[in-house]
Structure formats: structure tokens, C-alpha cells
Amino acid sequence: YTLGWSTIWRINVLVIYENQNGHTREVTTTSFVPRTDMHYTIMEPAPEGNFRFLAYGWRLGMSHARMSAVLYAFDGKALESQWKVENLFDGKLSAARNKVVISYVDRDEYIRETQLGQLPARHQKTYSLTPQGLQLESAHDVPY
């Protein structure tokens, strides 16, 4: 499901509902990064069984979209943010059940390199899912 906003004053809200005995009730609510469309992917559950998912999206602006992502854990009552990145210039993301790879360009490097007629390197980081959230596994540069 993707949400897009037409004005900069709108925020997006993430709500978890519970269905029991034919009745639906709101369990918890939180706000995601303002002015960002929202996507999600299911991650492996936490060792104690908590449901975990990665919410992510892109915000339009400047010359490139900017990516934000949050890893949430849900214990049946409340959402907990376990990891977060915001506003990554030209950010890209791929996720599996226990791994997340993000790549992005440093905005200042992009400006400097394109003024010289070159393209900057993309910074790529691989994270592994741990009981506490996402932990950096490796970081390196890749060609633009």
C-alpha cells in the first residue's frame, strides 16, 4: 500500500488494528516520516515472537528523491522503533527477511562531483537483523 500526499502539511499515520470475534479495534498508532510515501516489508520476528516490519518511503525534493526507513517491532500492544535512517539523498533500499541493503549519495559530494563533470560514488551499507534491530554488517562505495 502506498500513500502519497498533495500538500507539505500532511503527515502519514501508521495504525495497527486487531480483529477479534468480529470486532475491529485500534491497537496502536504512530506517525511515519512526514511528506514521505510509505511501503513496508515483513521481517523475521524477534526472538520473543514480536512482529517486525520495515516501513520505508521516498520524499520528493531537490533533484533526487530522499529515502527514509524505520524498523518497527510490535509486541501486541505498542510499536517500538528499533532502527531508523532519514532523508538519504537518492536513496535505494532492498530488504529480505533478515537483511537490509541501502545505498545513497552524499548530497555535497554529488554537487561537487557533478560541477566537475563527474558522478560521485554511491555509499552502500548492509545491515543484518538482530534481536535489538538492525546492525551494520558492511559499508563500501559502489559506482554511481
C-alpha atoms as a PDB file:
ATOM      1  CA  TYR A   1       0.000   0.000   0.000  1.00  0.00           C
ATOM      2  CA  THR A   2       1.390   3.395  -0.933  1.00  0.00           C
ATOM      3  CA  LEU A   3       0.283   6.740   0.412  1.00  0.00           C
ATOM      4  CA  GLY A   4       1.113   9.959  -1.387  1.00  0.00           C
ATOM      5  CA  TRP A   5       0.473  13.456  -0.077  1.00  0.00           C
ATOM      6  CA  SER A   6      -0.510  16.500  -2.071  1.00  0.00           C
ATOM      7  CA  THR A   7       0.481  19.169   0.462  1.00  0.00           C
ATOM      8  CA  ILE A   8       3.508  19.572   2.679  1.00  0.00           C
ATOM      9  CA  TRP A   9       1.382  19.927   5.815  1.00  0.00           C
ATOM     10  CA  ARG A  10       0.036  16.394   5.761  1.00  0.00           C
ATOM     11  CA  ILE A  11       1.573  13.569   7.727  1.00  0.00           C
ATOM     12  CA  ASN A  12       1.171   9.875   7.269  1.00  0.00           C
ATOM     13  CA  VAL A  13      -0.014   7.689  10.087  1.00  0.00           C
ATOM     14  CA  LEU A  14       0.676   4.022  10.707  1.00  0.00           C
ATOM     15  CA  VAL A  15      -2.133   2.245  12.581  1.00  0.00           C
ATOM     16  CA  ILE A  16      -2.336  -1.389  13.671  1.00  0.00           C
ATOM     17  CA  TYR A  17      -5.791  -2.882  14.153  1.00  0.00           C
ATOM     18  CA  GLU A  18      -6.820  -6.110  15.842  1.00  0.00           C
ATOM     19  CA  ASN A  19      -9.767  -8.248  14.737  1.00  0.00           C
ATOM     20  CA  GLN A  20     -11.394 -10.467  17.373  1.00  0.00           C
ATOM     21  CA  ASN A  21     -14.833 -12.047  17.441  1.00  0.00           C
ATOM     22  CA  GLY A  22     -15.993  -9.988  14.501  1.00  0.00           C
ATOM     23  CA  HIS A  23     -14.922  -6.687  16.092  1.00  0.00           C
ATOM     24  CA  THR A  24     -12.085  -4.441  14.982  1.00  0.00           C
ATOM     25  CA  ARG A  25     -10.231  -2.125  17.316  1.00  0.00           C
ATOM     26  CA  GLU A  26      -7.248   0.166  17.019  1.00  0.00           C
ATOM     27  CA  VAL A  27      -4.291  -1.186  18.977  1.00  0.00           C
ATOM     28  CA  THR A  28      -1.585   1.404  18.344  1.00  0.00           C
ATOM     29  CA  THR A  29      -0.824   4.440  16.197  1.00  0.00           C
ATOM     30  CA  THR A  30       2.392   6.198  15.239  1.00  0.00           C
ATOM     31  CA  SER A  31       3.453   8.678  12.579  1.00  0.00           C
ATOM     32  CA  PHE A  32       5.951   7.876   9.876  1.00  0.00           C
ATOM     33  CA  VAL A  33       8.314  10.411   8.299  1.00  0.00           C
ATOM     34  CA  PRO A  34       6.237  13.422   7.127  1.00  0.00           C
ATOM     35  CA  ARG A  35       5.711  14.004   3.386  1.00  0.00           C
ATOM     36  CA  THR A  36       7.024  10.532   2.543  1.00  0.00           C
ATOM     37  CA  ASP A  37       5.153   7.817   0.667  1.00  0.00           C
ATOM     38  CA  MET A  38       5.004   4.570   2.633  1.00  0.00           C
ATOM     39  CA  HIS A  39       5.828   0.970   1.755  1.00  0.00           C
ATOM     40  CA  TYR A  40       6.590  -1.944   4.026  1.00  0.00           C
ATOM     41  CA  THR A  41       8.193  -5.360   4.109  1.00  0.00           C
ATOM     42  CA  ILE A  42       7.812  -8.061   6.746  1.00  0.00           C
ATOM     43  CA  MET A  43      10.998  -9.011   8.601  1.00  0.00           C
ATOM     44  CA  GLU A  44      11.784 -12.094  10.706  1.00  0.00           C
ATOM     45  CA  PRO A  45      10.056 -11.990  14.097  1.00  0.00           C
ATOM     46  CA  ALA A  46      12.046 -11.041  17.180  1.00  0.00           C
ATOM     47  CA  PRO A  47      13.228 -13.961  19.365  1.00  0.00           C
ATOM     48  CA  GLU A  48      10.375 -13.289  21.825  1.00  0.00           C
ATOM     49  CA  GLY A  49       7.913 -13.539  18.914  1.00  0.00           C
ATOM     50  CA  ASN A  50       7.257  -9.832  18.322  1.00  0.00           C
ATOM     51  CA  PHE A  51       6.101  -8.972  14.815  1.00  0.00           C
ATOM     52  CA  ARG A  52       8.659  -6.819  12.952  1.00  0.00           C
ATOM     53  CA  PHE A  53       8.391  -4.883   9.727  1.00  0.00           C
ATOM     54  CA  LEU A  54      10.363  -2.258   7.850  1.00  0.00           C
ATOM     55  CA  ALA A  55       8.415   0.843   6.792  1.00  0.00           C
ATOM     56  CA  TYR A  56      10.166   2.902   4.126  1.00  0.00           C
ATOM     57  CA  GLY A  57       9.480   5.511   1.506  1.00  0.00           C
ATOM     58  CA  TRP A  58      10.708   8.393  -0.584  1.00  0.00           C
ATOM     59  CA  ARG A  59      10.124  12.104  -0.351  1.00  0.00           C
ATOM     60  CA  LEU A  60      10.376  14.177  -3.489  1.00  0.00           C
ATOM     61  CA  GLY A  61      12.637  17.174  -3.378  1.00  0.00           C
ATOM     62  CA  MET A  62      15.646  18.835  -4.874  1.00  0.00           C
ATOM     63  CA  SER A  63      16.944  16.917  -7.872  1.00  0.00           C
ATOM     64  CA  HIS A  64      16.551  13.445  -6.351  1.00  0.00           C
ATOM     65  CA  ALA A  65      14.097  11.683  -4.082  1.00  0.00           C
ATOM     66  CA  ARG A  66      15.175  11.214  -0.466  1.00  0.00           C
ATOM     67  CA  MET A  67      14.616   7.905   1.304  1.00  0.00           C
ATOM     68  CA  SER A  68      13.702   7.205   4.911  1.00  0.00           C
ATOM     69  CA  ALA A  69      13.171   3.855   6.655  1.00  0.00           C
ATOM     70  CA  VAL A  70      12.160   2.653  10.126  1.00  0.00           C
ATOM     71  CA  LEU A  71      12.282  -0.874  11.557  1.00  0.00           C
ATOM     72  CA  TYR A  72       9.312  -1.391  13.875  1.00  0.00           C
ATOM     73  CA  ALA A  73       8.642  -4.159  16.404  1.00  0.00           C
ATOM     74  CA  PHE A  74       5.091  -4.820  17.592  1.00  0.00           C
ATOM     75  CA  ASP A  75       4.523  -6.760  20.827  1.00  0.00           C
ATOM     76  CA  GLY A  76       0.732  -6.912  20.539  1.00  0.00           C
ATOM     77  CA  LYS A  77       0.258  -3.611  22.358  1.00  0.00           C
ATOM     78  CA  ALA A  78       2.746  -0.999  21.148  1.00  0.00           C
ATOM     79  CA  LEU A  79       5.093  -0.214  18.274  1.00  0.00           C
ATOM     80  CA  GLU A  80       8.765   0.273  19.031  1.00  0.00           C
ATOM     81  CA  SER A  81      11.226   1.828  16.595  1.00  0.00           C
ATOM     82  CA  GLN A  82      14.369  -0.347  16.545  1.00  0.00           C
ATOM     83  CA  TRP A  83      16.328   1.377  13.767  1.00  0.00           C
ATOM     84  CA  LYS A  84      15.901   4.443  11.585  1.00  0.00           C
ATOM     85  CA  VAL A  85      17.503   6.328   8.692  1.00  0.00           C
ATOM     86  CA  GLU A  86      16.106   9.562   7.311  1.00  0.00           C
ATOM     87  CA  ASN A  87      16.454  11.742   4.275  1.00  0.00           C
ATOM     88  CA  LEU A  88      19.061   9.755   2.320  1.00  0.00           C
ATOM     89  CA  PHE A  89      19.715  11.610  -0.946  1.00  0.00           C
ATOM     90  CA  ASP A  90      18.925   9.380  -3.966  1.00  0.00           C
ATOM     91  CA  GLY A  91      18.425   6.506  -1.501  1.00  0.00           C
ATOM     92  CA  LYS A  92      17.693   2.967  -2.649  1.00  0.00           C
ATOM     93  CA  LEU A  93      16.669   0.010  -0.474  1.00  0.00           C
ATOM     94  CA  SER A  94      16.352  -3.738  -0.803  1.00  0.00           C
ATOM     95  CA  ALA A  95      15.186  -5.913   2.063  1.00  0.00           C
ATOM     96  CA  ALA A  96      14.839  -9.599   2.836  1.00  0.00           C
ATOM     97  CA  ARG A  97      13.530 -11.244   5.994  1.00  0.00           C
ATOM     98  CA  ASN A  98      16.815 -10.753   7.862  1.00  0.00           C
ATOM     99  CA  LYS A  99      18.891  -8.284   5.836  1.00  0.00           C
ATOM    100  CA  VAL A 100      18.588  -4.724   4.547  1.00  0.00           C
ATOM    101  CA  VAL A 101      20.832  -3.079   1.948  1.00  0.00           C
ATOM    102  CA  ILE A 102      20.680   0.663   1.427  1.00  0.00           C
ATOM    103  CA  SER A 103      22.638   2.852  -0.941  1.00  0.00           C
ATOM    104  CA  TYR A 104      22.660   6.609  -1.221  1.00  0.00           C
ATOM    105  CA  VAL A 105      24.675   9.557  -2.460  1.00  0.00           C
ATOM    106  CA  ASP A 106      26.088  12.254  -0.208  1.00  0.00           C
ATOM    107  CA  ARG A 107      24.405  15.444  -1.415  1.00  0.00           C
ATOM    108  CA  ASP A 108      27.517  17.630  -1.015  1.00  0.00           C
ATOM    109  CA  GLU A 109      29.666  15.080  -2.886  1.00  0.00           C
ATOM    110  CA  TYR A 110      27.033  14.957  -5.640  1.00  0.00           C
ATOM    111  CA  ILE A 111      27.090  18.738  -6.097  1.00  0.00           C
ATOM    112  CA  ARG A 112      30.890  18.913  -6.057  1.00  0.00           C
ATOM    113  CA  GLU A 113      31.413  15.984  -8.467  1.00  0.00           C
ATOM    114  CA  THR A 114      28.729  16.991 -10.967  1.00  0.00           C
ATOM    115  CA  GLN A 115      30.185  20.509 -11.139  1.00  0.00           C
ATOM    116  CA  LEU A 116      33.414  18.804 -12.222  1.00  0.00           C
ATOM    117  CA  GLY A 117      31.536  16.756 -14.833  1.00  0.00           C
ATOM    118  CA  GLN A 118      31.813  13.521 -12.849  1.00  0.00           C
ATOM    119  CA  LEU A 119      29.480  11.314 -10.839  1.00  0.00           C
ATOM    120  CA  PRO A 120      30.125  10.580  -7.155  1.00  0.00           C
ATOM    121  CA  ALA A 121      30.344   7.144  -5.612  1.00  0.00           C
ATOM    122  CA  ARG A 122      27.232   5.641  -4.020  1.00  0.00           C
ATOM    123  CA  HIS A 123      27.618   4.646  -0.390  1.00  0.00           C
ATOM    124  CA  GLN A 124      26.236   1.159   0.232  1.00  0.00           C
ATOM    125  CA  LYS A 125      25.524  -0.302   3.669  1.00  0.00           C
ATOM    126  CA  THR A 126      24.364  -3.810   4.525  1.00  0.00           C
ATOM    127  CA  TYR A 127      22.543  -4.404   7.804  1.00  0.00           C
ATOM    128  CA  SER A 128      21.715  -7.712   9.500  1.00  0.00           C
ATOM    129  CA  LEU A 129      18.643  -8.211  11.635  1.00  0.00           C
ATOM    130  CA  THR A 130      19.451  -8.805  15.323  1.00  0.00           C
ATOM    131  CA  PRO A 131      17.199  -9.107  18.390  1.00  0.00           C
ATOM    132  CA  GLN A 132      17.787  -5.382  19.057  1.00  0.00           C
ATOM    133  CA  GLY A 133      17.178  -4.175  15.499  1.00  0.00           C
ATOM    134  CA  LEU A 134      19.465  -3.763  12.501  1.00  0.00           C
ATOM    135  CA  GLN A 135      23.230  -3.875  12.907  1.00  0.00           C
ATOM    136  CA  LEU A 136      25.727  -2.614  10.333  1.00  0.00           C
ATOM    137  CA  GLU A 137      27.450  -5.576   8.681  1.00  0.00           C
ATOM    138  CA  SER A 138      29.435  -3.833   5.943  1.00  0.00           C
ATOM    139  CA  ALA A 139      29.872  -0.458   4.272  1.00  0.00           C
ATOM    140  CA  HIS A 140      31.597   0.348   0.995  1.00  0.00           C
ATOM    141  CA  ASP A 141      31.340   2.589  -2.047  1.00  0.00           C
ATOM    142  CA  VAL A 142      29.975   1.454  -5.406  1.00  0.00           C
ATOM    143  CA  PRO A 143      29.978   3.256  -8.767  1.00  0.00           C
ATOM    144  CA  TYR A 144      27.105   5.642  -9.407  1.00  0.00           C
END
